[in-house]
């Protein structure tokens, strides 16, 4: 058994399969899940795990070269994303839903705040 990093075997395996340019949608419990991408649903109950917890865990494992979120994003989650991604791209929520259909992986959190969603674009570590 792994003693560090992401322990969820579905998520750990999915992350290992990602390549440069692949999209990863990290979303709240209310985001419509597109057909097609692999889905790892971590939601346990409302707010657990939080969007921030999942995002921090993923960023410890992934190289991210870009991020896109809904321009309707407000408050704590907006501050969180702008803190992690100074060049955060903002699009209307409906456009984010369209873009998420091209993601290779969807990670669903238990977040219950509106617009706690971000589409990450994987980079490379060299």
N, C-alpha and C. Protein backbone atom coordinates (compact mmCIF):
# COMPACT_ATOMS: atom_id res chain seq x y z
N UNK A 1 0.84 -1.19 0.00
CA UNK A 1 0.00 0.00 0.00
C UNK A 1 0.88 1.25 0.00
N UNK A 2 0.49 2.25 -0.82
CA UNK A 2 1.22 3.52 -0.82
C UNK A 2 1.12 4.17 0.55
N UNK A 3 2.18 4.82 0.96
CA UNK A 3 2.12 5.51 2.24
C UNK A 3 2.05 7.03 2.09
N UNK A 4 2.14 7.52 0.87
CA UNK A 4 2.09 8.96 0.65
C UNK A 4 1.42 9.24 -0.69
N UNK A 5 1.07 10.52 -0.89
CA UNK A 5 0.43 10.90 -2.15
C UNK A 5 -1.03 10.48 -2.17
N UNK A 6 -1.57 10.35 -3.36
CA UNK A 6 -2.98 10.00 -3.52
C UNK A 6 -3.17 8.51 -3.33
N UNK A 7 -4.03 8.13 -2.39
CA UNK A 7 -4.25 6.73 -2.07
C UNK A 7 -5.38 6.11 -2.89
N UNK A 8 -6.32 6.92 -3.36
CA UNK A 8 -7.43 6.37 -4.13
C UNK A 8 -6.88 5.72 -5.39
N UNK A 9 -7.06 4.41 -5.52
CA UNK A 9 -6.43 3.69 -6.62
C UNK A 9 -6.96 4.10 -7.98
N UNK A 10 -8.22 4.46 -8.06
CA UNK A 10 -8.79 4.89 -9.34
C UNK A 10 -8.18 6.21 -9.79
N UNK A 11 -8.05 7.14 -8.84
CA UNK A 11 -7.50 8.44 -9.17
C UNK A 11 -6.00 8.35 -9.45
N UNK A 12 -5.29 7.60 -8.63
CA UNK A 12 -3.85 7.45 -8.83
C UNK A 12 -3.55 6.84 -10.20
N UNK A 13 -4.29 5.81 -10.58
CA UNK A 13 -4.10 5.18 -11.89
C UNK A 13 -4.45 6.10 -13.04
N UNK A 14 -5.53 6.86 -12.89
CA UNK A 14 -5.95 7.79 -13.95
C UNK A 14 -4.92 8.88 -14.15
N UNK A 15 -4.35 9.39 -13.08
CA UNK A 15 -3.34 10.44 -13.19
C UNK A 15 -2.08 9.93 -13.88
N UNK A 16 -1.73 8.68 -13.62
CA UNK A 16 -0.54 8.09 -14.24
C UNK A 16 -0.69 7.95 -15.75
N UNK A 17 -1.92 7.90 -16.24
CA UNK A 17 -2.18 7.74 -17.67
C UNK A 17 -2.24 9.05 -18.43
N UNK A 18 -2.21 10.18 -17.74
CA UNK A 18 -2.35 11.48 -18.40
C UNK A 18 -1.06 11.88 -19.11
N UNK A 19 -1.23 12.62 -20.18
CA UNK A 19 -0.09 13.13 -20.94
C UNK A 19 -0.21 14.61 -21.18
N UNK A 20 0.80 15.16 -21.83
CA UNK A 20 0.87 16.59 -22.12
C UNK A 20 -0.37 17.05 -22.90
N UNK A 21 -1.00 18.08 -22.40
CA UNK A 21 -2.16 18.65 -23.06
C UNK A 21 -3.49 18.04 -22.66
N UNK A 22 -3.48 16.92 -21.94
CA UNK A 22 -4.74 16.31 -21.51
C UNK A 22 -5.46 17.22 -20.52
N UNK A 23 -6.79 17.19 -20.58
CA UNK A 23 -7.61 17.99 -19.69
C UNK A 23 -8.10 17.19 -18.51
N UNK A 24 -8.13 17.85 -17.35
CA UNK A 24 -8.67 17.27 -16.12
C UNK A 24 -9.67 18.26 -15.56
N UNK A 25 -10.93 17.86 -15.49
CA UNK A 25 -11.96 18.70 -14.89
C UNK A 25 -12.09 18.33 -13.42
N UNK A 26 -11.85 19.30 -12.55
CA UNK A 26 -12.08 19.13 -11.11
C UNK A 26 -13.36 19.90 -10.83
N UNK A 27 -14.38 19.19 -10.36
CA UNK A 27 -15.70 19.84 -10.30
C UNK A 27 -16.42 19.60 -8.98
N UNK A 28 -17.41 20.46 -8.75
CA UNK A 28 -18.24 20.33 -7.57
C UNK A 28 -19.31 19.27 -7.81
N UNK A 29 -20.07 18.99 -6.78
CA UNK A 29 -21.08 17.93 -6.85
C UNK A 29 -22.22 18.25 -7.81
N UNK A 30 -22.36 19.52 -8.18
CA UNK A 30 -23.47 19.90 -9.06
C UNK A 30 -23.13 20.04 -10.53
N UNK A 31 -21.87 19.94 -10.88
CA UNK A 31 -21.46 20.11 -12.29
C UNK A 31 -21.94 18.91 -13.10
N UNK A 32 -22.60 19.16 -14.24
CA UNK A 32 -22.99 18.03 -15.10
C UNK A 32 -21.74 17.31 -15.60
N UNK A 33 -21.73 16.00 -15.49
CA UNK A 33 -20.59 15.19 -15.92
C UNK A 33 -20.78 14.84 -17.39
N UNK A 34 -19.82 15.23 -18.24
CA UNK A 34 -19.96 14.92 -19.67
C UNK A 34 -19.78 13.42 -19.93
N UNK A 35 -20.40 12.93 -20.99
CA UNK A 35 -20.17 11.55 -21.43
C UNK A 35 -18.80 11.47 -22.06
N UNK A 36 -18.10 10.41 -21.83
CA UNK A 36 -16.82 10.21 -22.49
C UNK A 36 -15.63 10.13 -21.57
N UNK A 37 -15.32 11.21 -20.80
CA UNK A 37 -14.12 11.15 -19.97
C UNK A 37 -14.24 10.11 -18.86
N UNK A 38 -13.09 9.63 -18.41
CA UNK A 38 -13.04 8.77 -17.23
C UNK A 38 -13.45 9.62 -16.04
N UNK A 39 -14.25 9.07 -15.14
CA UNK A 39 -14.75 9.81 -13.98
C UNK A 39 -14.28 9.13 -12.70
N UNK A 40 -13.70 9.92 -11.82
CA UNK A 40 -13.38 9.45 -10.47
C UNK A 40 -14.20 10.33 -9.53
N UNK A 41 -15.20 9.72 -8.91
CA UNK A 41 -16.12 10.45 -8.03
C UNK A 41 -15.65 10.29 -6.59
N UNK A 42 -15.15 11.36 -6.01
CA UNK A 42 -14.66 11.34 -4.64
C UNK A 42 -15.69 11.85 -3.65
N UNK A 43 -16.84 12.35 -4.13
CA UNK A 43 -17.85 12.94 -3.26
C UNK A 43 -18.34 11.91 -2.23
N UNK A 44 -18.28 12.30 -0.97
CA UNK A 44 -18.72 11.45 0.13
C UNK A 44 -20.01 11.98 0.73
N UNK A 45 -20.01 13.29 0.98
CA UNK A 45 -21.21 14.01 1.42
C UNK A 45 -20.97 15.48 1.11
N UNK A 46 -21.98 16.30 1.28
CA UNK A 46 -21.85 17.71 0.93
C UNK A 46 -20.63 18.33 1.61
N UNK A 47 -19.71 18.83 0.79
CA UNK A 47 -18.52 19.48 1.30
C UNK A 47 -17.33 18.57 1.56
N UNK A 48 -17.51 17.27 1.42
CA UNK A 48 -16.44 16.32 1.72
C UNK A 48 -16.20 15.41 0.53
N UNK A 49 -15.00 15.39 -0.03
CA UNK A 49 -13.90 16.31 0.23
C UNK A 49 -14.16 17.65 -0.44
N UNK A 50 -13.54 18.67 0.08
CA UNK A 50 -13.74 20.01 -0.47
C UNK A 50 -13.00 20.17 -1.79
N UNK A 51 -13.42 21.14 -2.55
CA UNK A 51 -12.75 21.49 -3.81
C UNK A 51 -11.28 21.82 -3.54
N UNK A 52 -11.01 22.61 -2.49
CA UNK A 52 -9.64 23.02 -2.17
C UNK A 52 -8.77 21.82 -1.83
N UNK A 53 -9.29 20.89 -1.04
CA UNK A 53 -8.51 19.70 -0.66
C UNK A 53 -8.15 18.87 -1.88
N UNK A 54 -9.12 18.66 -2.75
CA UNK A 54 -8.87 17.84 -3.93
C UNK A 54 -7.90 18.54 -4.87
N UNK A 55 -8.11 19.83 -5.08
CA UNK A 55 -7.22 20.58 -5.97
C UNK A 55 -5.78 20.56 -5.45
N UNK A 56 -5.60 20.79 -4.15
CA UNK A 56 -4.25 20.77 -3.58
C UNK A 56 -3.60 19.40 -3.76
N UNK A 57 -4.37 18.34 -3.54
CA UNK A 57 -3.83 16.99 -3.73
C UNK A 57 -3.43 16.72 -5.17
N UNK A 58 -4.25 17.16 -6.10
CA UNK A 58 -3.95 16.96 -7.52
C UNK A 58 -2.72 17.76 -7.94
N UNK A 59 -2.61 18.98 -7.46
CA UNK A 59 -1.48 19.82 -7.84
C UNK A 59 -0.15 19.30 -7.28
N UNK A 60 -0.22 18.50 -6.21
CA UNK A 60 0.98 17.87 -5.69
C UNK A 60 1.44 16.73 -6.61
N UNK A 61 0.54 16.23 -7.47
CA UNK A 61 0.83 15.08 -8.32
C UNK A 61 1.00 15.45 -9.80
N UNK A 62 0.45 16.59 -10.22
CA UNK A 62 0.41 16.94 -11.64
C UNK A 62 1.23 18.18 -11.97
N UNK A 63 1.71 18.23 -13.19
CA UNK A 63 2.26 19.47 -13.75
C UNK A 63 1.11 20.09 -14.54
N UNK A 64 0.77 21.33 -14.24
CA UNK A 64 -0.35 22.00 -14.91
C UNK A 64 0.20 23.23 -15.63
N UNK A 65 -0.12 23.32 -16.94
CA UNK A 65 0.37 24.46 -17.71
C UNK A 65 -0.71 25.51 -17.96
N UNK A 66 -1.93 25.22 -17.57
CA UNK A 66 -3.01 26.19 -17.75
C UNK A 66 -4.27 25.74 -17.06
N UNK A 67 -5.14 26.70 -16.76
CA UNK A 67 -6.39 26.40 -16.08
C UNK A 67 -7.48 27.33 -16.58
N UNK A 68 -8.69 26.79 -16.67
CA UNK A 68 -9.86 27.55 -17.11
C UNK A 68 -10.98 27.34 -16.10
N UNK A 69 -11.65 28.42 -15.72
CA UNK A 69 -12.78 28.35 -14.79
C UNK A 69 -13.89 29.26 -15.29
N UNK A 70 -15.04 29.15 -14.65
CA UNK A 70 -16.19 29.99 -15.00
C UNK A 70 -15.99 31.41 -14.47
N UNK A 71 -16.30 32.38 -15.30
CA UNK A 71 -16.16 33.78 -14.87
C UNK A 71 -17.15 34.13 -13.77
N UNK A 72 -18.17 33.30 -13.57
CA UNK A 72 -19.14 33.53 -12.49
C UNK A 72 -18.58 33.16 -11.12
N UNK A 73 -17.43 32.52 -11.07
CA UNK A 73 -16.78 32.09 -9.84
C UNK A 73 -16.59 33.27 -8.89
N UNK A 74 -16.88 33.07 -7.62
CA UNK A 74 -16.78 34.14 -6.63
C UNK A 74 -16.12 33.63 -5.34
N UNK A 75 -15.74 34.56 -4.50
CA UNK A 75 -15.33 34.27 -3.13
C UNK A 75 -14.11 33.40 -2.97
N UNK A 76 -14.20 32.51 -1.99
CA UNK A 76 -13.07 31.69 -1.58
C UNK A 76 -12.50 30.85 -2.72
N UNK A 77 -13.37 30.25 -3.52
CA UNK A 77 -12.86 29.41 -4.61
C UNK A 77 -12.20 30.23 -5.70
N UNK A 78 -12.68 31.42 -5.96
CA UNK A 78 -12.01 32.29 -6.94
C UNK A 78 -10.62 32.69 -6.43
N UNK A 79 -10.55 33.06 -5.15
CA UNK A 79 -9.26 33.41 -4.56
C UNK A 79 -8.29 32.22 -4.63
N UNK A 80 -8.81 31.04 -4.35
CA UNK A 80 -7.99 29.83 -4.40
C UNK A 80 -7.42 29.61 -5.80
N UNK A 81 -8.28 29.67 -6.81
CA UNK A 81 -7.83 29.41 -8.18
C UNK A 81 -6.89 30.50 -8.68
N UNK A 82 -7.19 31.75 -8.41
CA UNK A 82 -6.31 32.83 -8.85
C UNK A 82 -4.97 32.78 -8.13
N UNK A 83 -4.96 32.26 -6.90
CA UNK A 83 -3.71 32.08 -6.17
C UNK A 83 -2.83 30.99 -6.78
N UNK A 84 -3.45 29.92 -7.22
CA UNK A 84 -2.71 28.80 -7.83
C UNK A 84 -2.35 29.09 -9.29
N UNK A 85 -3.22 29.81 -9.99
CA UNK A 85 -3.05 30.02 -11.43
C UNK A 85 -3.16 31.50 -11.76
N UNK A 86 -2.05 32.24 -11.69
CA UNK A 86 -2.10 33.68 -11.98
C UNK A 86 -2.65 33.99 -13.37
N UNK A 87 -2.47 33.11 -14.33
CA UNK A 87 -2.98 33.32 -15.68
C UNK A 87 -4.30 32.61 -15.92
N UNK A 88 -5.10 32.45 -14.86
CA UNK A 88 -6.37 31.74 -14.96
C UNK A 88 -7.24 32.32 -16.07
N UNK A 89 -7.68 31.45 -16.96
CA UNK A 89 -8.58 31.86 -18.04
C UNK A 89 -10.02 31.73 -17.53
N UNK A 90 -10.81 32.76 -17.75
CA UNK A 90 -12.20 32.77 -17.31
C UNK A 90 -13.13 32.80 -18.51
N UNK A 91 -14.10 31.90 -18.53
CA UNK A 91 -15.08 31.79 -19.61
C UNK A 91 -16.46 31.68 -18.97
N UNK A 92 -17.53 31.96 -19.72
CA UNK A 92 -18.87 31.74 -19.16
C UNK A 92 -19.05 30.28 -18.76
N UNK A 93 -19.85 30.07 -17.72
CA UNK A 93 -20.06 28.71 -17.19
C UNK A 93 -20.54 27.74 -18.27
N UNK A 94 -21.41 28.21 -19.14
CA UNK A 94 -21.89 27.33 -20.22
C UNK A 94 -20.74 26.90 -21.13
N UNK A 95 -19.80 27.80 -21.37
CA UNK A 95 -18.63 27.46 -22.20
C UNK A 95 -17.73 26.46 -21.47
N UNK A 96 -17.58 26.63 -20.16
CA UNK A 96 -16.78 25.68 -19.38
C UNK A 96 -17.38 24.28 -19.49
N UNK A 97 -18.71 24.18 -19.45
CA UNK A 97 -19.36 22.87 -19.60
C UNK A 97 -19.06 22.28 -20.97
N UNK A 98 -19.08 23.11 -22.01
CA UNK A 98 -18.74 22.63 -23.36
C UNK A 98 -17.29 22.14 -23.42
N UNK A 99 -16.38 22.92 -22.87
CA UNK A 99 -14.96 22.56 -22.88
C UNK A 99 -14.69 21.28 -22.09
N UNK A 100 -15.46 21.07 -21.03
CA UNK A 100 -15.23 19.90 -20.18
C UNK A 100 -15.52 18.59 -20.91
N UNK A 101 -16.29 18.65 -21.98
CA UNK A 101 -16.55 17.43 -22.77
C UNK A 101 -15.27 16.89 -23.39
N UNK A 102 -14.26 17.74 -23.56
CA UNK A 102 -12.99 17.31 -24.13
C UNK A 102 -11.98 16.84 -23.10
N UNK A 103 -12.36 16.86 -21.82
CA UNK A 103 -11.44 16.42 -20.77
C UNK A 103 -11.20 14.92 -20.86
N UNK A 104 -10.04 14.51 -20.46
CA UNK A 104 -9.73 13.07 -20.42
C UNK A 104 -10.15 12.47 -19.08
N UNK A 105 -10.18 13.31 -18.03
CA UNK A 105 -10.50 12.85 -16.69
C UNK A 105 -11.38 13.87 -15.99
N UNK A 106 -12.38 13.39 -15.27
CA UNK A 106 -13.22 14.23 -14.43
C UNK A 106 -13.06 13.74 -12.99
N UNK A 107 -12.73 14.67 -12.09
CA UNK A 107 -12.62 14.36 -10.67
C UNK A 107 -13.71 15.14 -9.95
N UNK A 108 -14.68 14.44 -9.41
CA UNK A 108 -15.83 15.08 -8.75
C UNK A 108 -15.58 15.15 -7.25
N UNK A 109 -15.69 16.35 -6.71
CA UNK A 109 -15.52 16.58 -5.27
C UNK A 109 -16.89 16.64 -4.60
N UNK A 110 -16.89 16.76 -3.29
CA UNK A 110 -18.14 16.92 -2.56
C UNK A 110 -18.52 18.36 -2.35
N UNK A 111 -17.79 19.27 -3.01
CA UNK A 111 -18.04 20.71 -2.84
C UNK A 111 -19.49 21.05 -3.16
N UNK A 112 -20.05 21.93 -2.35
CA UNK A 112 -21.44 22.32 -2.54
C UNK A 112 -21.59 23.81 -2.82
N UNK A 113 -20.48 24.51 -3.11
CA UNK A 113 -20.54 25.93 -3.46
C UNK A 113 -20.62 26.06 -4.97
N UNK A 114 -21.40 27.02 -5.48
CA UNK A 114 -21.54 27.19 -6.92
C UNK A 114 -20.23 27.51 -7.63
N UNK A 115 -20.07 26.96 -8.80
CA UNK A 115 -18.96 27.24 -9.71
C UNK A 115 -17.59 26.81 -9.18
N UNK A 116 -17.54 25.85 -8.29
CA UNK A 116 -16.26 25.32 -7.81
C UNK A 116 -15.79 24.26 -8.81
N UNK A 117 -15.41 24.74 -9.98
CA UNK A 117 -15.01 23.86 -11.08
C UNK A 117 -13.81 24.48 -11.79
N UNK A 118 -12.89 23.64 -12.23
CA UNK A 118 -11.75 24.14 -12.99
C UNK A 118 -11.30 23.06 -13.96
N UNK A 119 -10.97 23.48 -15.15
CA UNK A 119 -10.44 22.58 -16.17
C UNK A 119 -8.94 22.82 -16.24
N UNK A 120 -8.18 21.80 -15.89
CA UNK A 120 -6.72 21.88 -15.89
C UNK A 120 -6.16 21.31 -17.19
N UNK A 121 -5.10 21.92 -17.69
CA UNK A 121 -4.40 21.39 -18.87
C UNK A 121 -3.04 20.91 -18.40
N UNK A 122 -2.79 19.60 -18.60
CA UNK A 122 -1.55 18.99 -18.11
C UNK A 122 -0.34 19.49 -18.89
N UNK A 123 0.73 19.66 -18.15
CA UNK A 123 2.00 20.02 -18.74
C UNK A 123 2.96 18.84 -18.66
N UNK A 124 4.24 19.11 -18.81
CA UNK A 124 5.27 18.07 -18.70
C UNK A 124 6.26 18.48 -17.62
N UNK A 125 6.94 17.52 -17.05
CA UNK A 125 7.83 17.79 -15.93
C UNK A 125 9.27 18.05 -16.36
N UNK A 126 9.55 18.12 -17.65
CA UNK A 126 10.91 18.40 -18.09
C UNK A 126 10.94 19.59 -19.00
